[in-house]
Amino acid sequence: MSLREKLKALEELQQVDIEQTSVRAEAEAVPRRRAEIEVGVGVARKACQAEEDKLASVERERRSQEQTIATERDKVKKWEGRLAEIRTPREYAALSREIDIAKKTNESVGEQTKLLLAQAAEITLAIDVLQEKLDEREAGAQEELEGLTRRASEFAARIVALEARRAALAQKVEPVLLKRYENIRQRRGGIAVTQVVGGTCKGCNRQIPPQMAITLVRANSIENCPNCNRIIYVPEAVSPATPPVA
């Protein structure tokens, strides 16, 4: 294998590794996004449930007050029936006082009941709005979750294909050079091979020595950037321009 072929194989291997890293990052984002969606739906459900619990509490209080009104009304009816049987003014006055208290209690509780009815109506409207939003969120979440499931499958298939392609490319690189590549890639954020354009290494954006630039053009040896230690090459050395047809 010529030096140009070795550099070409490294270049292709680097591109596959970059793509594989990108696809893996996208694949790892899927479960995070799924969790975010589920949290959002959960928050909407809790908001709706909180209003429903509030409505249930108001309804319980209203029914309790209605029971109080019914009880006091029965008392008044019973006591008013006894008024005709009372013989002494003192007993009559005492019972009349009890009847007045019961009637006032009913009036007060009745006003509270009206307030609770109005409050229940407001809460019911709020629940309707929240339920509508929840339904929309759940429908949107379901659609997005299905899309995420499809994307996860696509990512998995792409990763398998890239791994197979990488394995094939790695076989084209001699073991010593492959180990050199892997060591640099681990130390340099996944980028072990980079171009030199206009005398500048694109890995660290620093100038390389002029003599090294000439060596790269001639493709006499595989060189490392003296600044970032990445394997460097010039594009024309790997893929020389095709001469025009006469």
Protein backbone atom coordinates (compact mmCIF):
# COMPACT_ATOMS: atom_id res chain seq x y z
CA MET A 1 0.00 0.00 0.00
CA SER A 2 1.41 3.36 -1.03
CA LEU A 3 1.70 6.25 1.38
CA ARG A 4 -1.12 8.04 -0.39
CA GLU A 5 -3.32 4.98 0.07
CA LYS A 6 -2.43 4.83 3.75
CA LEU A 7 -3.33 8.50 4.18
CA LYS A 8 -6.55 7.96 2.24
CA ALA A 9 -7.47 5.03 4.48
CA LEU A 10 -6.76 7.12 7.60
CA GLU A 11 -8.82 10.00 6.20
CA GLU A 12 -11.78 7.69 5.53
CA LEU A 13 -11.40 6.07 8.94
CA GLN A 14 -11.44 9.49 10.57
CA GLN A 15 -14.60 10.48 8.71
CA VAL A 16 -16.33 7.26 9.77
CA ASP A 17 -15.30 7.85 13.39
CA ILE A 18 -16.60 11.42 13.27
CA GLU A 19 -19.91 10.27 11.80
CA GLN A 20 -20.14 7.44 14.31
CA THR A 21 -19.54 9.84 17.21
CA SER A 22 -22.24 12.15 15.85
CA VAL A 23 -24.76 9.34 15.39
CA ARG A 24 -24.05 7.96 18.87
CA ALA A 25 -24.58 11.42 20.36
CA GLU A 26 -27.92 11.69 18.58
CA ALA A 27 -28.88 8.19 19.71
CA GLU A 28 -28.00 9.03 23.32
CA ALA A 29 -30.17 12.16 23.09
CA VAL A 30 -33.26 10.05 22.32
CA PRO A 31 -33.82 8.66 25.84
CA ARG A 32 -33.13 12.10 27.33
CA ARG A 33 -35.74 13.68 25.07
CA ARG A 34 -38.16 10.85 25.85
CA ALA A 35 -37.71 11.54 29.56
CA GLU A 36 -38.29 15.27 29.01
CA ILE A 37 -41.52 14.54 27.16
CA GLU A 38 -42.75 12.23 29.90
CA VAL A 39 -41.89 14.80 32.57
CA GLY A 40 -43.81 17.48 30.66
CA VAL A 41 -46.88 15.28 30.36
CA GLY A 42 -46.56 14.35 34.04
CA VAL A 43 -46.51 18.02 35.05
CA ALA A 44 -49.65 18.67 32.98
CA ARG A 45 -51.38 15.67 34.54
CA LYS A 46 -50.47 16.79 38.05
CA ALA A 47 -51.82 20.29 37.35
CA CYS A 48 -55.10 18.82 36.15
CA GLN A 49 -55.25 16.39 39.07
CA ALA A 50 -54.59 19.20 41.54
CA GLU A 51 -57.63 21.11 40.25
CA GLU A 52 -59.74 17.96 40.35
CA ASP A 53 -58.69 17.38 43.96
CA LYS A 54 -59.55 21.00 44.76
CA LEU A 55 -62.98 20.57 43.15
CA ALA A 56 -63.59 17.36 45.11
CA SER A 57 -62.70 19.20 48.34
CA VAL A 58 -65.09 22.04 47.53
CA GLU A 59 -67.84 19.59 46.66
CA ARG A 60 -67.36 17.74 49.95
CA GLU A 61 -67.58 20.98 51.88
CA ARG A 62 -70.67 22.03 49.92
CA ARG A 63 -72.42 18.72 50.61
CA SER A 64 -71.54 19.03 54.29
CA GLN A 65 -73.04 22.50 54.42
CA GLU A 66 -76.15 21.35 52.60
CA GLN A 67 -76.50 18.61 55.19
CA THR A 68 -76.16 21.23 57.90
CA ILE A 69 -78.89 23.33 56.28
CA ALA A 70 -81.17 20.30 56.03
CA THR A 71 -80.56 19.42 59.69
CA GLU A 72 -81.20 22.95 60.90
CA ARG A 73 -84.31 23.19 58.70
CA ASP A 74 -85.68 20.02 60.29
CA LYS A 75 -84.97 21.45 63.72
CA VAL A 76 -86.82 24.66 62.87
CA LYS A 77 -89.79 22.74 61.53
CA LYS A 78 -89.89 20.54 64.63
CA TRP A 79 -89.51 23.44 67.04
CA GLU A 80 -92.11 25.55 65.26
CA GLY A 81 -94.52 22.65 65.68
CA ARG A 82 -93.83 22.64 69.41
CA LEU A 83 -94.50 26.34 69.87
CA ALA A 84 -98.26 25.74 69.97
CA GLU A 85 -97.80 23.21 72.78
CA ILE A 86 -95.77 25.47 75.05
CA ARG A 87 -97.71 26.92 77.96
CA THR A 88 -95.24 29.27 79.67
CA PRO A 89 -93.91 32.51 78.16
CA ARG A 90 -90.41 31.68 79.34
CA GLU A 91 -90.26 28.37 77.48
CA TYR A 92 -91.85 30.00 74.41
CA ALA A 93 -89.18 32.74 74.37
CA ALA A 94 -86.35 30.23 74.77
CA LEU A 95 -87.58 28.05 71.93
CA SER A 96 -88.23 31.07 69.73
CA ARG A 97 -84.66 32.15 70.34
CA GLU A 98 -83.39 28.70 69.26
CA ILE A 99 -85.50 28.89 66.11
CA ASP A 100 -84.08 32.32 65.25
CA ILE A 101 -80.51 31.06 65.77
CA ALA A 102 -81.17 28.03 63.55
CA LYS A 103 -82.65 30.23 60.82
CA LYS A 104 -79.68 32.62 60.94
CA THR A 105 -77.31 29.68 60.81
CA ASN A 106 -79.08 28.42 57.71
CA GLU A 107 -78.87 31.85 56.09
CA SER A 108 -75.12 32.07 56.78
CA VAL A 109 -74.43 28.53 55.63
CA GLY A 110 -76.63 29.13 52.60
CA GLU A 111 -74.44 32.10 51.58
CA GLN A 112 -71.32 29.99 52.03
CA THR A 113 -72.90 27.29 49.89
CA LYS A 114 -73.52 29.79 47.10
CA LEU A 115 -69.87 30.86 47.27
CA LEU A 116 -68.78 27.24 47.10
CA LEU A 117 -71.01 26.66 44.07
CA ALA A 118 -69.42 29.62 42.32
CA GLN A 119 -65.95 28.39 43.28
CA ALA A 120 -66.79 24.90 41.98
CA ALA A 121 -67.94 26.41 38.68
CA GLU A 122 -64.64 28.33 38.31
CA ILE A 123 -62.60 25.24 39.12
CA THR A 124 -64.61 23.20 36.63
CA LEU A 125 -63.80 25.73 33.89
CA ALA A 126 -60.13 25.61 34.87
CA ILE A 127 -60.21 21.80 34.72
CA ASP A 128 -61.75 21.93 31.23
CA VAL A 129 -58.93 24.20 30.03
CA LEU A 130 -56.23 22.09 31.67
CA GLN A 131 -57.76 18.88 30.35
CA GLU A 132 -57.80 20.27 26.84
CA LYS A 133 -54.14 21.25 27.16
CA LEU A 134 -53.35 17.84 28.62
CA ASP A 135 -55.09 16.06 25.75
CA GLU A 136 -53.12 18.15 23.24
CA ARG A 137 -49.86 17.52 25.08
CA GLU A 138 -50.51 13.79 25.33
CA ALA A 139 -51.35 13.57 21.64
CA GLY A 140 -48.25 15.56 20.70
CA ALA A 141 -46.13 13.51 23.10
CA GLN A 142 -47.40 10.26 21.64
CA GLU A 143 -46.57 11.41 18.13
CA GLU A 144 -43.10 12.59 19.14
CA LEU A 145 -42.41 9.41 21.14
CA GLU A 146 -43.30 7.31 18.12
CA GLY A 147 -40.95 9.45 16.04
CA LEU A 148 -38.20 8.99 18.63
CA THR A 149 -38.71 5.24 18.53
CA ARG A 150 -38.27 5.28 14.76
CA ARG A 151 -35.19 7.48 15.06
CA ALA A 152 -33.68 5.18 17.69
CA SER A 153 -34.08 2.24 15.30
CA GLU A 154 -32.54 4.26 12.47
CA PHE A 155 -29.61 5.28 14.66
CA ALA A 156 -29.06 1.69 15.76
CA ALA A 157 -28.99 0.55 12.13
CA ARG A 158 -26.61 3.36 11.15
CA ILE A 159 -24.27 2.52 14.04
CA VAL A 160 -24.18 -1.15 12.99
CA ALA A 161 -23.41 -0.12 9.39
CA LEU A 162 -20.72 2.35 10.50
CA GLU A 163 -19.11 -0.22 12.77
CA ALA A 164 -18.93 -2.66 9.87
CA ARG A 165 -17.50 0.02 7.61
CA ARG A 166 -14.98 1.03 10.26
CA ALA A 167 -13.86 -2.56 10.74
CA ALA A 168 -13.28 -2.88 7.00
CA LEU A 169 -11.32 0.38 6.87
CA ALA A 170 -9.27 -0.52 9.95
CA GLN A 171 -8.11 -3.66 8.19
CA LYS A 172 -6.60 -1.48 5.46
CA VAL A 173 -4.42 0.36 7.97
CA GLU A 174 -1.30 -1.40 9.18
CA PRO A 175 -1.45 -2.22 12.93
CA VAL A 176 1.33 0.15 14.01
CA LEU A 177 -0.26 3.09 12.19
CA LEU A 178 -3.72 2.15 13.47
CA LYS A 179 -2.48 2.11 17.06
CA ARG A 180 -0.85 5.49 16.50
CA TYR A 181 -4.13 6.81 15.14
CA GLU A 182 -6.16 5.45 18.07
CA ASN A 183 -3.80 6.89 20.68
CA ILE A 184 -3.95 10.35 19.13
CA ARG A 185 -7.73 10.18 18.72
CA GLN A 186 -8.19 9.42 22.41
CA ARG A 187 -6.00 12.32 23.45
CA ARG A 188 -7.34 14.84 20.93
CA GLY A 189 -11.10 14.75 21.33
CA GLY A 190 -11.72 12.15 18.67
CA ILE A 191 -9.81 13.95 15.90
CA ALA A 192 -6.51 12.24 15.04
CA VAL A 193 -6.20 13.13 11.36
CA THR A 194 -6.60 16.62 9.96
CA GLN A 195 -5.79 18.63 6.87
CA VAL A 196 -3.20 21.30 6.36
CA VAL A 197 -4.48 24.17 4.23
CA GLY A 198 -2.30 27.13 3.34
CA GLY A 199 0.36 25.91 5.72
CA THR A 200 -2.09 25.88 8.65
CA CYS A 201 -3.06 22.78 10.60
CA LYS A 202 -6.87 22.71 10.79
CA GLY A 203 -6.68 20.77 14.04
CA CYS A 204 -5.02 23.52 16.06
CA ASN A 205 -5.11 26.44 13.57
CA ARG A 206 -1.37 26.98 13.84
CA GLN A 207 1.26 27.21 11.14
CA ILE A 208 3.52 24.25 10.45
CA PRO A 209 7.19 24.63 9.40
CA PRO A 210 7.63 25.37 5.66
CA GLN A 211 9.84 22.31 5.12
CA MET A 212 7.16 20.07 6.63
CA ALA A 213 4.59 21.61 4.27
CA ILE A 214 6.79 20.60 1.32
CA THR A 215 7.11 17.07 2.71
CA LEU A 216 3.32 16.80 3.01
CA VAL A 217 2.80 17.88 -0.60
CA ARG A 218 5.27 15.26 -1.79
CA ALA A 219 3.64 12.63 0.46
CA ASN A 220 7.03 11.19 1.33
CA SER A 221 6.10 10.27 4.92
CA ILE A 222 3.29 10.37 7.45
CA GLU A 223 3.82 13.45 9.60
CA ASN A 224 2.42 14.74 12.86
CA CYS A 225 1.63 18.38 13.56
CA PRO A 226 4.42 19.73 15.80
CA ASN A 227 1.82 21.70 17.76
CA CYS A 228 -1.14 19.32 18.35
CA ASN A 229 0.54 16.03 17.37
CA ARG A 230 -2.32 15.05 15.03
CA ILE A 231 -1.53 13.20 11.82
CA ILE A 232 -1.60 15.82 9.10
CA TYR A 233 -1.87 15.79 5.33
CA VAL A 234 -2.63 18.11 2.46
CA PRO A 235 -5.78 17.29 0.44
CA GLU A 236 -3.92 17.27 -2.91
CA ALA A 237 -1.55 14.59 -1.60
CA VAL A 238 -4.41 12.23 -0.76
CA SER A 239 -6.63 13.05 -3.72
CA PRO A 240 -4.51 14.64 -6.43
CA ALA A 241 -6.36 16.61 -9.08
CA THR A 242 -7.17 14.66 -12.24
CA PRO A 243 -5.36 16.17 -15.23
CA PRO A 244 -7.69 17.54 -17.86
CA VAL A 245 -8.39 15.34 -20.86
CA ALA A 246 -6.57 16.57 -23.96
